[in-house]
Amino acid sequence: MPAKQEHQHLFNTGENLTTDHANYDGNYPHNNNPKGIYRENTVAVGSFAPNAWGLYNMHGNAHEWCSDWYSDKYYDECKSNGVVENPAGPITGWLRVLRGGSWLNTARRCRSAFRGHGTPDRRYCDVGFRLVFVP
């Protein structure tokens, strides 16, 4: 795996994301790109190239649950306290953070820096999770 990289771009593909790079609602492109494909469902993992760490579908396809509780003011509080790298979120809450966007979302919402949210006791047709193996 590559060494830690600085966050220099909006997406792992650079400043833009197209439906050639990820599965999202191509009717809503980012940065004045032409409209793309709207597949209206998830696609198989590996349908697009992996990112620099070898991870697939980090943009679009399905939102991923995060363990963080969601607060719309939490990041502002972290910035004012000087904590800006991967803050853990509030201690409690009723909404969990969702990241990565989905096939139902605009390209802008597919940025990993974009935080969506959902209630963890509900099912969503565009939300999943990623298993992580730590040896």
Protein backbone atom coordinates (compact mmCIF):
# COMPACT_ATOMS: atom_id res chain seq x y z
CA MET A 1 0.00 0.00 0.00
CA PRO A 2 1.25 3.52 -0.72
CA ALA A 3 2.31 5.83 2.06
CA LYS A 4 -0.22 8.29 3.43
CA GLN A 5 -1.11 10.86 0.81
CA GLU A 6 -2.13 14.45 1.37
CA HIS A 7 -5.68 15.33 0.33
CA GLN A 8 -4.89 17.25 -2.82
CA HIS A 9 -7.97 16.57 -4.92
CA LEU A 10 -11.72 16.34 -4.52
CA PHE A 11 -11.82 12.74 -5.77
CA ASN A 12 -9.29 9.92 -6.17
CA THR A 13 -9.60 10.63 -9.90
CA GLY A 14 -8.58 14.29 -9.48
CA GLU A 15 -10.81 17.36 -9.45
CA ASN A 16 -13.65 15.67 -11.32
CA LEU A 17 -15.62 12.47 -11.23
CA THR A 18 -17.49 11.04 -14.20
CA THR A 19 -19.67 7.96 -14.59
CA ASP A 20 -16.65 6.33 -16.27
CA HIS A 21 -15.01 6.44 -12.81
CA ALA A 22 -17.89 5.73 -10.41
CA ASN A 23 -21.52 4.74 -10.10
CA TYR A 24 -23.68 7.75 -9.23
CA ASP A 25 -26.65 9.53 -10.80
CA GLY A 26 -25.03 10.80 -13.99
CA ASN A 27 -27.83 13.32 -14.48
CA TYR A 28 -26.05 15.43 -11.84
CA PRO A 29 -22.36 15.72 -12.81
CA HIS A 30 -19.74 17.74 -10.97
CA ASN A 31 -17.91 20.82 -12.22
CA ASN A 32 -19.81 21.28 -15.49
CA ASN A 33 -19.05 17.79 -16.80
CA PRO A 34 -21.49 16.48 -19.39
CA LYS A 35 -24.25 14.24 -18.06
CA GLY A 36 -23.34 10.61 -17.72
CA ILE A 37 -24.98 7.25 -17.15
CA TYR A 38 -27.62 6.73 -14.48
CA ARG A 39 -27.46 3.00 -13.79
CA GLU A 40 -30.30 3.08 -11.22
CA ASN A 41 -28.73 0.38 -9.05
CA THR A 42 -25.46 -0.85 -7.61
CA VAL A 43 -22.78 -2.40 -9.81
CA ALA A 44 -20.32 -5.19 -9.07
CA VAL A 45 -17.19 -4.32 -7.11
CA GLY A 46 -14.34 -3.95 -9.57
CA SER A 47 -16.48 -2.28 -12.23
CA PHE A 48 -14.20 0.76 -11.94
CA ALA A 49 -10.47 1.15 -11.29
CA PRO A 50 -9.31 1.05 -7.65
CA ASN A 51 -7.90 4.07 -5.83
CA ALA A 52 -4.20 4.45 -4.91
CA TRP A 53 -4.64 2.07 -1.95
CA GLY A 54 -6.23 -0.64 -4.08
CA LEU A 55 -9.74 -0.03 -2.71
CA TYR A 56 -12.70 -0.28 -5.07
CA ASN A 57 -15.91 1.76 -5.20
CA MET A 58 -14.86 4.38 -2.67
CA HIS A 59 -16.91 6.91 -4.66
CA GLY A 60 -20.53 6.09 -5.37
CA ASN A 61 -22.22 2.72 -5.66
CA ALA A 62 -23.32 2.48 -1.99
CA HIS A 63 -22.91 4.80 0.98
CA GLU A 64 -20.88 3.24 3.74
CA TRP A 65 -21.82 3.35 7.39
CA CYS A 66 -19.22 4.92 9.64
CA SER A 67 -18.96 4.36 13.39
CA ASP A 68 -19.14 8.14 14.00
CA TRP A 69 -22.28 9.72 15.36
CA TYR A 70 -23.37 12.63 13.18
CA SER A 71 -23.58 16.28 14.22
CA ASP A 72 -23.87 19.09 11.69
CA LYS A 73 -21.74 21.32 13.94
CA TYR A 74 -19.09 18.79 14.99
CA TYR A 75 -16.51 19.57 12.28
CA ASP A 76 -16.78 23.30 12.94
CA GLU A 77 -16.12 22.60 16.63
CA CYS A 78 -13.10 20.44 15.71
CA LYS A 79 -11.66 23.14 13.46
CA SER A 80 -12.03 25.76 16.18
CA ASN A 81 -10.18 23.40 18.56
CA GLY A 82 -7.44 22.72 15.98
CA VAL A 83 -8.43 19.07 15.32
CA VAL A 84 -8.98 18.58 11.60
CA GLU A 85 -7.76 15.08 10.75
CA ASN A 86 -10.28 12.27 11.09
CA PRO A 87 -12.21 13.46 14.15
CA ALA A 88 -14.18 10.65 15.77
CA GLY A 89 -17.53 12.45 16.04
CA PRO A 90 -19.65 13.20 19.08
CA ILE A 91 -19.85 10.65 21.89
CA THR A 92 -23.58 10.04 21.41
CA GLY A 93 -26.32 10.77 18.91
CA TRP A 94 -29.16 9.30 16.93
CA LEU A 95 -27.74 9.64 13.38
CA ARG A 96 -24.65 7.81 12.07
CA VAL A 97 -22.30 9.22 9.45
CA LEU A 98 -22.53 7.89 5.87
CA ARG A 99 -19.67 8.46 3.42
CA GLY A 100 -18.82 7.89 -0.22
CA GLY A 101 -22.13 8.63 -1.94
CA SER A 102 -24.25 6.13 -3.81
CA TRP A 103 -25.86 5.31 -7.13
CA LEU A 104 -28.74 7.62 -6.08
CA ASN A 105 -26.52 10.65 -5.42
CA THR A 106 -24.96 13.51 -7.33
CA ALA A 107 -21.25 13.40 -8.09
CA ARG A 108 -20.60 16.08 -5.44
CA ARG A 109 -22.00 13.82 -2.71
CA CYS A 110 -19.56 11.07 -3.70
CA ARG A 111 -16.60 12.91 -2.19
CA SER A 112 -15.27 11.08 0.87
CA ALA A 113 -15.21 14.46 2.63
CA PHE A 114 -18.97 14.74 2.21
CA ARG A 115 -20.78 13.45 5.29
CA GLY A 116 -24.28 12.18 4.92
CA HIS A 117 -26.26 10.66 7.77
CA GLY A 118 -28.88 8.06 8.51
CA THR A 119 -30.59 6.38 11.40
CA PRO A 120 -28.88 3.05 12.11
CA ASP A 121 -32.13 1.23 12.83
CA ARG A 122 -33.46 1.69 9.26
CA ARG A 123 -32.72 -0.05 5.97
CA TYR A 124 -31.68 1.94 2.91
CA CYS A 125 -31.44 0.62 -0.67
CA ASP A 126 -28.18 2.53 -1.26
CA VAL A 127 -26.29 1.99 2.02
CA GLY A 128 -23.86 -0.78 2.90
CA PHE A 129 -20.69 -1.33 4.88
CA ARG A 130 -17.11 -2.30 4.19
CA LEU A 131 -15.40 -5.10 6.08
CA VAL A 132 -11.85 -4.39 7.13
CA PHE A 133 -9.26 -7.06 7.88
CA VAL A 134 -6.45 -6.06 10.19
CA PRO A 135 -3.82 -8.80 10.46
